[in-house]
Amino acid sequence: MSSVLKTTRYAGKLEFATMTVRDVEEVVRIENDAYPFPWTRGNFLDSLANRYDAWVLREIDGRLAGYFLLMSAVDDVHLLNITVRPDLQGQGIGRYLLDKVCALAKAAGIHQILLEVRPSNQHALAVYRHAGFQMIGTRKKYYPAAGSAREDAIVMRLKLQEPA
């Protein structure tokens, strides 16, 4: 998989690091800016406490560009959250994050990546499909939505390698 960004603006100017508790306040600010129903500070702290694989992507000036969190199972990994700072969306950074997710999974011998996404998140759906993810199901009324409504989740899978 290619880790090339759509623009050369960020070529060589982004750096991955494992997420720490020190990153959480900045992560939560971006989460709140990016989503109408964001993860809470507690969600991120719980994920770190449970040793989920969590990464941040920073610009060379130190500003947070994006992040992701993975939960590993026996032979698959669940992409729990992947987010690009809203002012940087549409520049290939989401795909760059997703390439890192795939590289980590492959290095760990993982066979597939699973995720859920809102049907209303058309941009994310397009990124996942372009990366090779396929819809494998639906979780009814999975996400909170406006008012007291709920939105379904599309469950997607990317097969990386066949089990030995």
N, C-alpha and C. Protein backbone atom coordinates (compact mmCIF):
# COMPACT_ATOMS: atom_id res chain seq x y z
N MET A 1 0.84 -1.18 0.00
CA MET A 1 0.00 0.00 0.00
C MET A 1 0.87 1.24 0.00
N SER A 2 0.43 2.22 -0.70
CA SER A 2 1.18 3.45 -0.84
C SER A 2 0.94 4.37 0.35
N SER A 3 1.98 5.04 0.79
CA SER A 3 1.85 6.04 1.84
C SER A 3 2.04 7.44 1.27
N VAL A 4 1.76 7.61 0.00
CA VAL A 4 1.94 8.89 -0.66
C VAL A 4 0.72 9.76 -0.40
N LEU A 5 0.94 10.99 0.01
CA LEU A 5 -0.16 11.92 0.23
C LEU A 5 -0.56 12.55 -1.09
N LYS A 6 -1.80 13.01 -1.17
CA LYS A 6 -2.30 13.64 -2.40
C LYS A 6 -1.49 14.87 -2.78
N THR A 7 -1.03 15.60 -1.78
CA THR A 7 -0.25 16.80 -2.07
C THR A 7 1.16 16.62 -1.53
N THR A 8 2.08 17.36 -2.06
CA THR A 8 3.44 17.28 -1.55
C THR A 8 3.64 18.22 -0.36
N ARG A 9 2.62 18.99 -0.02
CA ARG A 9 2.71 19.92 1.11
C ARG A 9 3.19 19.23 2.39
N TYR A 10 2.76 17.97 2.58
CA TYR A 10 3.10 17.26 3.82
C TYR A 10 4.18 16.22 3.66
N ALA A 11 4.70 16.05 2.46
CA ALA A 11 5.75 15.05 2.23
C ALA A 11 6.91 15.30 3.19
N GLY A 12 7.20 14.31 4.03
CA GLY A 12 8.31 14.42 4.97
C GLY A 12 8.05 15.34 6.14
N LYS A 13 6.82 15.82 6.29
CA LYS A 13 6.52 16.78 7.34
C LYS A 13 5.55 16.25 8.38
N LEU A 14 5.33 14.96 8.38
CA LEU A 14 4.44 14.33 9.33
C LEU A 14 5.18 13.21 10.04
N GLU A 15 4.90 13.06 11.32
CA GLU A 15 5.62 12.05 12.10
C GLU A 15 4.64 11.31 13.01
N PHE A 16 4.71 9.98 12.97
CA PHE A 16 3.90 9.13 13.84
C PHE A 16 4.57 8.96 15.21
N ALA A 17 3.74 8.84 16.24
CA ALA A 17 4.21 8.51 17.59
C ALA A 17 3.07 7.79 18.29
N THR A 18 3.40 6.95 19.25
CA THR A 18 2.34 6.30 20.02
C THR A 18 1.65 7.36 20.87
N MET A 19 0.34 7.21 20.99
CA MET A 19 -0.45 8.14 21.78
C MET A 19 -0.19 7.91 23.26
N THR A 20 -0.07 8.99 24.00
CA THR A 20 0.10 8.93 25.45
C THR A 20 -1.01 9.75 26.11
N VAL A 21 -1.09 9.66 27.40
CA VAL A 21 -2.06 10.44 28.16
C VAL A 21 -1.85 11.94 27.90
N ARG A 22 -0.61 12.35 27.68
CA ARG A 22 -0.32 13.77 27.41
C ARG A 22 -0.98 14.25 26.11
N ASP A 23 -1.27 13.35 25.20
CA ASP A 23 -1.89 13.72 23.92
C ASP A 23 -3.41 13.87 24.01
N VAL A 24 -4.01 13.34 25.05
CA VAL A 24 -5.46 13.18 25.08
C VAL A 24 -6.21 14.51 24.99
N GLU A 25 -5.78 15.54 25.66
CA GLU A 25 -6.52 16.82 25.61
C GLU A 25 -6.57 17.35 24.18
N GLU A 26 -5.46 17.29 23.46
CA GLU A 26 -5.43 17.75 22.08
C GLU A 26 -6.27 16.84 21.17
N VAL A 27 -6.20 15.54 21.42
CA VAL A 27 -7.01 14.58 20.67
C VAL A 27 -8.49 14.88 20.87
N VAL A 28 -8.90 15.13 22.09
CA VAL A 28 -10.31 15.41 22.39
C VAL A 28 -10.76 16.71 21.70
N ARG A 29 -9.91 17.71 21.65
CA ARG A 29 -10.28 18.95 20.95
C ARG A 29 -10.56 18.67 19.47
N ILE A 30 -9.70 17.89 18.85
CA ILE A 30 -9.91 17.55 17.43
C ILE A 30 -11.16 16.68 17.28
N GLU A 31 -11.34 15.72 18.15
CA GLU A 31 -12.50 14.85 18.12
C GLU A 31 -13.79 15.68 18.18
N ASN A 32 -13.81 16.66 19.09
CA ASN A 32 -14.99 17.52 19.23
C ASN A 32 -15.22 18.39 18.00
N ASP A 33 -14.16 18.81 17.35
CA ASP A 33 -14.28 19.61 16.13
C ASP A 33 -14.71 18.77 14.93
N ALA A 34 -14.35 17.50 14.94
CA ALA A 34 -14.57 16.64 13.77
C ALA A 34 -15.94 15.96 13.74
N TYR A 35 -16.55 15.73 14.90
CA TYR A 35 -17.74 14.90 14.95
C TYR A 35 -18.88 15.52 15.75
N PRO A 36 -20.12 15.30 15.30
CA PRO A 36 -21.25 15.77 16.10
C PRO A 36 -21.47 14.91 17.35
N PHE A 37 -20.99 13.67 17.33
CA PHE A 37 -21.10 12.76 18.48
C PHE A 37 -19.72 12.18 18.78
N PRO A 38 -18.85 12.99 19.37
CA PRO A 38 -17.45 12.59 19.54
C PRO A 38 -17.25 11.61 20.70
N TRP A 39 -16.10 10.92 20.62
CA TRP A 39 -15.64 10.15 21.77
C TRP A 39 -15.36 11.14 22.90
N THR A 40 -15.45 10.65 24.12
CA THR A 40 -15.17 11.49 25.29
C THR A 40 -13.71 11.32 25.72
N ARG A 41 -13.28 12.22 26.56
CA ARG A 41 -11.94 12.10 27.16
C ARG A 41 -11.80 10.73 27.82
N GLY A 42 -12.86 10.31 28.51
CA GLY A 42 -12.85 9.01 29.19
C GLY A 42 -12.69 7.85 28.23
N ASN A 43 -13.31 7.93 27.04
CA ASN A 43 -13.14 6.87 26.04
C ASN A 43 -11.67 6.72 25.66
N PHE A 44 -10.99 7.84 25.44
CA PHE A 44 -9.59 7.78 25.06
C PHE A 44 -8.72 7.28 26.21
N LEU A 45 -8.98 7.78 27.41
CA LEU A 45 -8.19 7.33 28.57
C LEU A 45 -8.40 5.84 28.83
N ASP A 46 -9.64 5.37 28.72
CA ASP A 46 -9.92 3.94 28.89
C ASP A 46 -9.19 3.11 27.84
N SER A 47 -9.16 3.59 26.61
CA SER A 47 -8.47 2.86 25.54
C SER A 47 -6.98 2.76 25.83
N LEU A 48 -6.39 3.85 26.31
CA LEU A 48 -4.97 3.81 26.66
C LEU A 48 -4.73 2.90 27.86
N ALA A 49 -5.61 2.96 28.85
CA ALA A 49 -5.47 2.11 30.03
C ALA A 49 -5.57 0.63 29.66
N ASN A 50 -6.36 0.33 28.64
CA ASN A 50 -6.51 -1.05 28.17
C ASN A 50 -5.46 -1.45 27.16
N ARG A 51 -4.49 -0.59 26.97
CA ARG A 51 -3.34 -0.84 26.09
C ARG A 51 -3.73 -1.08 24.63
N TYR A 52 -4.78 -0.39 24.19
CA TYR A 52 -5.09 -0.44 22.77
C TYR A 52 -3.96 0.23 22.01
N ASP A 53 -3.78 -0.18 20.78
CA ASP A 53 -2.73 0.38 19.94
C ASP A 53 -3.21 1.76 19.48
N ALA A 54 -2.65 2.81 20.02
CA ALA A 54 -3.11 4.17 19.74
C ALA A 54 -1.94 5.01 19.24
N TRP A 55 -2.18 5.73 18.14
CA TRP A 55 -1.12 6.50 17.49
C TRP A 55 -1.60 7.90 17.17
N VAL A 56 -0.67 8.84 17.20
CA VAL A 56 -0.92 10.20 16.75
C VAL A 56 0.00 10.49 15.57
N LEU A 57 -0.45 11.40 14.74
CA LEU A 57 0.34 11.88 13.61
C LEU A 57 0.48 13.38 13.78
N ARG A 58 1.73 13.84 13.86
CA ARG A 58 1.97 15.26 14.10
C ARG A 58 2.71 15.91 12.94
N GLU A 59 2.40 17.19 12.75
CA GLU A 59 3.16 18.00 11.81
C GLU A 59 4.51 18.30 12.45
N ILE A 60 5.49 18.73 11.68
CA ILE A 60 6.81 18.97 12.25
C ILE A 60 6.81 20.10 13.27
N ASP A 61 5.81 20.98 13.21
CA ASP A 61 5.70 22.03 14.23
C ASP A 61 5.06 21.51 15.51
N GLY A 62 4.71 20.21 15.54
CA GLY A 62 4.15 19.59 16.73
C GLY A 62 2.64 19.53 16.78
N ARG A 63 1.96 20.23 15.87
CA ARG A 63 0.50 20.21 15.89
C ARG A 63 -0.03 18.86 15.47
N LEU A 64 -1.07 18.42 16.14
CA LEU A 64 -1.68 17.13 15.86
C LEU A 64 -2.44 17.18 14.54
N ALA A 65 -2.11 16.28 13.63
CA ALA A 65 -2.78 16.21 12.32
C ALA A 65 -3.86 15.14 12.32
N GLY A 66 -3.68 14.07 13.10
CA GLY A 66 -4.65 12.99 13.14
C GLY A 66 -4.25 11.93 14.13
N TYR A 67 -5.09 10.90 14.25
CA TYR A 67 -4.83 9.83 15.20
C TYR A 67 -5.69 8.63 14.86
N PHE A 68 -5.32 7.49 15.44
CA PHE A 68 -6.16 6.29 15.33
C PHE A 68 -5.94 5.40 16.53
N LEU A 69 -6.94 4.54 16.78
CA LEU A 69 -6.90 3.57 17.87
C LEU A 69 -7.35 2.23 17.34
N LEU A 70 -6.62 1.18 17.73
CA LEU A 70 -6.89 -0.19 17.30
C LEU A 70 -7.07 -1.09 18.51
N MET A 71 -8.00 -2.02 18.40
CA MET A 71 -8.19 -3.05 19.42
C MET A 71 -7.90 -4.39 18.75
N SER A 72 -6.93 -5.11 19.27
CA SER A 72 -6.54 -6.39 18.68
C SER A 72 -7.36 -7.53 19.26
N ALA A 73 -7.63 -8.51 18.40
CA ALA A 73 -8.25 -9.77 18.81
C ALA A 73 -7.28 -10.87 18.39
N VAL A 74 -7.74 -12.09 18.24
CA VAL A 74 -6.86 -13.21 17.94
C VAL A 74 -6.15 -13.04 16.60
N ASP A 75 -6.91 -12.90 15.53
CA ASP A 75 -6.29 -12.78 14.21
C ASP A 75 -6.84 -11.59 13.42
N ASP A 76 -7.48 -10.67 14.13
CA ASP A 76 -7.93 -9.45 13.45
C ASP A 76 -7.73 -8.27 14.39
N VAL A 77 -7.91 -7.11 13.81
CA VAL A 77 -7.81 -5.88 14.57
C VAL A 77 -9.03 -5.04 14.23
N HIS A 78 -9.54 -4.34 15.22
CA HIS A 78 -10.72 -3.50 15.05
C HIS A 78 -10.26 -2.05 15.09
N LEU A 79 -10.50 -1.33 14.00
CA LEU A 79 -10.18 0.09 13.94
C LEU A 79 -11.31 0.83 14.65
N LEU A 80 -11.01 1.31 15.86
CA LEU A 80 -12.03 1.93 16.69
C LEU A 80 -12.29 3.38 16.32
N ASN A 81 -11.22 4.09 15.98
CA ASN A 81 -11.34 5.51 15.69
C ASN A 81 -10.17 5.91 14.81
N ILE A 82 -10.45 6.67 13.77
CA ILE A 82 -9.41 7.24 12.91
C ILE A 82 -9.92 8.62 12.53
N THR A 83 -9.13 9.64 12.80
CA THR A 83 -9.60 11.01 12.62
C THR A 83 -8.48 11.90 12.11
N VAL A 84 -8.84 12.77 11.18
CA VAL A 84 -7.94 13.80 10.66
C VAL A 84 -8.48 15.14 11.13
N ARG A 85 -7.60 16.01 11.55
CA ARG A 85 -7.99 17.36 11.96
C ARG A 85 -8.82 17.98 10.82
N PRO A 86 -9.98 18.54 11.13
CA PRO A 86 -10.89 19.00 10.06
C PRO A 86 -10.26 19.91 9.00
N ASP A 87 -9.37 20.80 9.36
CA ASP A 87 -8.78 21.70 8.36
C ASP A 87 -7.79 21.00 7.45
N LEU A 88 -7.44 19.76 7.76
CA LEU A 88 -6.50 18.99 6.93
C LEU A 88 -7.19 17.90 6.12
N GLN A 89 -8.49 17.75 6.28
CA GLN A 89 -9.21 16.69 5.58
C GLN A 89 -9.20 16.93 4.08
N GLY A 90 -9.23 15.84 3.33
CA GLY A 90 -9.25 15.92 1.88
C GLY A 90 -7.88 16.06 1.25
N GLN A 91 -6.82 15.86 2.03
CA GLN A 91 -5.46 16.01 1.52
C GLN A 91 -4.67 14.70 1.55
N GLY A 92 -5.36 13.58 1.77
CA GLY A 92 -4.70 12.29 1.77
C GLY A 92 -4.17 11.84 3.12
N ILE A 93 -4.40 12.62 4.15
CA ILE A 93 -3.87 12.28 5.47
C ILE A 93 -4.63 11.10 6.07
N GLY A 94 -5.93 11.02 5.82
CA GLY A 94 -6.70 9.87 6.30
C GLY A 94 -6.18 8.58 5.70
N ARG A 95 -5.87 8.60 4.43
CA ARG A 95 -5.31 7.41 3.78
C ARG A 95 -3.92 7.10 4.34
N TYR A 96 -3.15 8.13 4.64
CA TYR A 96 -1.83 7.96 5.22
C TYR A 96 -1.95 7.27 6.59
N LEU A 97 -2.91 7.71 7.39
CA LEU A 97 -3.18 7.05 8.68
C LEU A 97 -3.60 5.60 8.46
N LEU A 98 -4.47 5.38 7.51
CA LEU A 98 -4.96 4.03 7.22
C LEU A 98 -3.84 3.12 6.73
N ASP A 99 -2.91 3.66 5.96
CA ASP A 99 -1.75 2.88 5.53
C ASP A 99 -0.92 2.44 6.74
N LYS A 100 -0.80 3.30 7.74
CA LYS A 100 -0.07 2.95 8.97
C LYS A 100 -0.80 1.84 9.71
N VAL A 101 -2.13 1.94 9.78
CA VAL A 101 -2.94 0.89 10.41
C VAL A 101 -2.65 -0.45 9.74
N CYS A 102 -2.67 -0.46 8.41
CA CYS A 102 -2.43 -1.71 7.65
C CYS A 102 -1.02 -2.23 7.88
N ALA A 103 -0.05 -1.35 7.89
CA ALA A 103 1.34 -1.76 8.10
C ALA A 103 1.52 -2.38 9.49
N LEU A 104 0.92 -1.79 10.51
CA LEU A 104 1.02 -2.34 11.87
C LEU A 104 0.35 -3.71 11.94
N ALA A 105 -0.82 -3.82 11.32
CA ALA A 105 -1.55 -5.10 11.35
C ALA A 105 -0.76 -6.19 10.64
N LYS A 106 -0.23 -5.87 9.48
CA LYS A 106 0.56 -6.87 8.73
C LYS A 106 1.78 -7.29 9.52
N ALA A 107 2.47 -6.34 10.14
CA ALA A 107 3.67 -6.64 10.91
C ALA A 107 3.35 -7.55 12.10
N ALA A 108 2.12 -7.45 12.62
CA ALA A 108 1.70 -8.28 13.75
C ALA A 108 1.10 -9.62 13.30
N GLY A 109 1.07 -9.86 11.99
CA GLY A 109 0.51 -11.11 11.47
C GLY A 109 -1.00 -11.14 11.50
N ILE A 110 -1.62 -9.98 11.54
CA ILE A 110 -3.08 -9.89 11.58
C ILE A 110 -3.65 -10.21 10.20
N HIS A 111 -4.79 -10.89 10.17
CA HIS A 111 -5.37 -11.33 8.92
C HIS A 111 -6.41 -10.39 8.34
N GLN A 112 -7.03 -9.57 9.20
CA GLN A 112 -8.05 -8.66 8.70
C GLN A 112 -8.24 -7.49 9.65
N ILE A 113 -8.75 -6.40 9.08
CA ILE A 113 -9.09 -5.21 9.84
C ILE A 113 -10.60 -5.03 9.72
N LEU A 114 -11.24 -4.80 10.85
CA LEU A 114 -12.68 -4.55 10.89
C LEU A 114 -12.93 -3.12 11.37
N LEU A 115 -14.04 -2.55 10.94
CA LEU A 115 -14.42 -1.22 11.41
C LEU A 115 -15.90 -1.01 11.22
N GLU A 116 -16.44 -0.01 11.90
CA GLU A 116 -17.80 0.45 11.68
C GLU A 116 -17.72 1.90 11.24
N VAL A 117 -18.65 2.28 10.37
CA VAL A 117 -18.71 3.65 9.88
C VAL A 117 -20.17 4.03 9.66
N ARG A 118 -20.47 5.28 9.90
CA ARG A 118 -21.83 5.78 9.67
C ARG A 118 -22.12 5.82 8.17
N PRO A 119 -23.30 5.42 7.75
CA PRO A 119 -23.68 5.57 6.34
C PRO A 119 -23.63 7.03 5.89
N SER A 120 -23.86 7.95 6.80
CA SER A 120 -23.84 9.37 6.47
C SER A 120 -22.43 9.91 6.27
N ASN A 121 -21.41 9.16 6.66
CA ASN A 121 -20.02 9.61 6.51
C ASN A 121 -19.50 9.14 5.15
N GLN A 122 -20.00 9.78 4.11
CA GLN A 122 -19.68 9.37 2.75
C GLN A 122 -18.19 9.49 2.42
N HIS A 123 -17.54 10.51 2.95
CA HIS A 123 -16.11 10.67 2.67
C HIS A 123 -15.31 9.49 3.24
N ALA A 124 -15.59 9.12 4.49
CA ALA A 124 -14.89 7.98 5.10
C ALA A 124 -15.19 6.69 4.33
N LEU A 125 -16.44 6.50 3.96
CA LEU A 125 -16.80 5.31 3.18
C LEU A 125 -16.00 5.23 1.89
N ALA A 126 -15.83 6.36 1.22
CA ALA A 126 -15.07 6.37 -0.03
C ALA A 126 -13.60 6.03 0.22
N VAL A 127 -13.03 6.55 1.29
CA VAL A 127 -11.64 6.24 1.64
C VAL A 127 -11.49 4.75 1.92
N TYR A 128 -12.38 4.19 2.72
CA TYR A 128 -12.31 2.77 3.06
C TYR A 128 -12.47 1.89 1.82
N ARG A 129 -13.43 2.21 0.98
CA ARG A 129 -13.63 1.42 -0.24
C ARG A 129 -12.41 1.49 -1.14
N HIS A 130 -11.85 2.68 -1.28
CA HIS A 130 -10.65 2.84 -2.11
C HIS A 130 -9.48 2.03 -1.56
N ALA A 131 -9.43 1.87 -0.24
CA ALA A 131 -8.36 1.09 0.40
C ALA A 131 -8.62 -0.41 0.31
N GLY A 132 -9.80 -0.81 -0.18
CA GLY A 132 -10.08 -2.23 -0.34
C GLY A 132 -11.03 -2.82 0.68
N PHE A 133 -11.55 -2.01 1.59
CA PHE A 133 -12.52 -2.51 2.57
C PHE A 133 -13.82 -2.86 1.86
N GLN A 134 -14.48 -3.91 2.35
CA GLN A 134 -15.76 -4.33 1.80
C GLN A 134 -16.79 -4.39 2.91
N MET A 135 -18.01 -4.02 2.59
CA MET A 135 -19.10 -4.09 3.55
C MET A 135 -19.42 -5.55 3.83
N ILE A 136 -19.52 -5.89 5.12
CA ILE A 136 -19.86 -7.27 5.49
C ILE A 136 -21.12 -7.35 6.35
N GLY A 137 -21.67 -6.19 6.72
CA GLY A 137 -22.87 -6.22 7.53
C GLY A 137 -23.29 -4.84 7.98
N THR A 138 -24.36 -4.83 8.78
CA THR A 138 -24.90 -3.59 9.33
C THR A 138 -25.23 -3.82 10.80
N ARG A 139 -24.93 -2.84 11.61
CA ARG A 139 -25.36 -2.85 13.01
C ARG A 139 -26.48 -1.82 13.12
N LYS A 140 -27.67 -2.29 13.37
CA LYS A 140 -28.84 -1.43 13.42
C LYS A 140 -28.79 -0.50 14.64
N LYS A 141 -29.09 0.76 14.39
CA LYS A 141 -29.19 1.78 15.45
C LYS A 141 -27.96 1.79 16.36
N TYR A 142 -26.80 1.71 15.78
CA TYR A 142 -25.53 1.60 16.50
C TYR A 142 -25.05 2.94 17.06
N TYR A 143 -25.19 3.99 16.26
CA TYR A 143 -24.65 5.30 16.64
C TYR A 143 -25.76 6.25 17.12
N PRO A 144 -25.42 7.13 18.07
CA PRO A 144 -26.39 8.18 18.40
C PRO A 144 -26.51 9.14 17.22
N ALA A 145 -27.69 9.72 17.08
CA ALA A 145 -27.94 10.69 16.00
C ALA A 145 -28.73 11.86 16.59
N ALA A 146 -29.08 12.81 15.76
CA ALA A 146 -29.78 14.01 16.22
C ALA A 146 -31.05 13.64 16.98
N GLY A 147 -31.35 14.44 17.97
CA GLY A 147 -32.51 14.17 18.82
C GLY A 147 -32.30 12.89 19.58
N SER A 148 -33.28 12.05 19.57
CA SER A 148 -33.14 10.75 20.24
C SER A 148 -33.00 9.63 19.21
N ALA A 149 -32.74 9.99 17.97
CA ALA A 149 -32.62 9.00 16.90
C ALA A 149 -31.31 8.23 17.01
N ARG A 150 -31.22 7.16 16.25
CA ARG A 150 -30.02 6.36 16.16
C ARG A 150 -29.70 6.13 14.69
N GLU A 151 -28.42 5.98 14.38
CA GLU A 151 -27.99 5.72 13.01
C GLU A 151 -27.33 4.35 12.94
N ASP A 152 -27.61 3.63 11.87
CA ASP A 152 -26.98 2.33 11.66
C ASP A 152 -25.47 2.50 11.49
N ALA A 153 -24.76 1.40 11.59
CA ALA A 153 -23.33 1.36 11.29
C ALA A 153 -23.11 0.35 10.18
N ILE A 154 -22.29 0.73 9.23
CA ILE A 154 -21.86 -0.20 8.19
C ILE A 154 -20.60 -0.88 8.72
N VAL A 155 -20.62 -2.21 8.75
CA VAL A 155 -19.45 -2.96 9.19
C VAL A 155 -18.63 -3.31 7.94
N MET A 156 -17.34 -3.00 8.00
CA MET A 156 -16.47 -3.24 6.85
C MET A 156 -15.26 -4.06 7.27
N ARG A 157 -14.71 -4.76 6.28
CA ARG A 157 -13.54 -5.62 6.54
C ARG A 157 -12.54 -5.46 5.39
N LEU A 158 -11.28 -5.45 5.79
CA LEU A 158 -10.18 -5.51 4.82
C LEU A 158 -9.39 -6.76 5.13
N LYS A 159 -9.36 -7.69 4.18
CA LYS A 159 -8.55 -8.90 4.35
C LYS A 159 -7.12 -8.57 3.98
N LEU A 160 -6.19 -8.89 4.89
CA LEU A 160 -4.78 -8.60 4.69
C LEU A 160 -4.02 -9.82 4.22
N GLN A 161 -4.29 -10.96 4.84
CA GLN A 161 -3.61 -12.21 4.50
C GLN A 161 -4.44 -13.36 5.03
N GLU A 162 -4.33 -14.48 4.44
CA GLU A 162 -5.07 -15.65 4.87
C GLU A 162 -4.36 -16.28 6.08
N PRO A 163 -5.15 -16.82 7.03
CA PRO A 163 -4.54 -17.51 8.17
C PRO A 163 -3.69 -18.69 7.68
N ALA A 164 -2.62 -18.93 8.41
CA ALA A 164 -1.72 -20.04 8.04
C ALA A 164 -2.31 -21.38 8.42
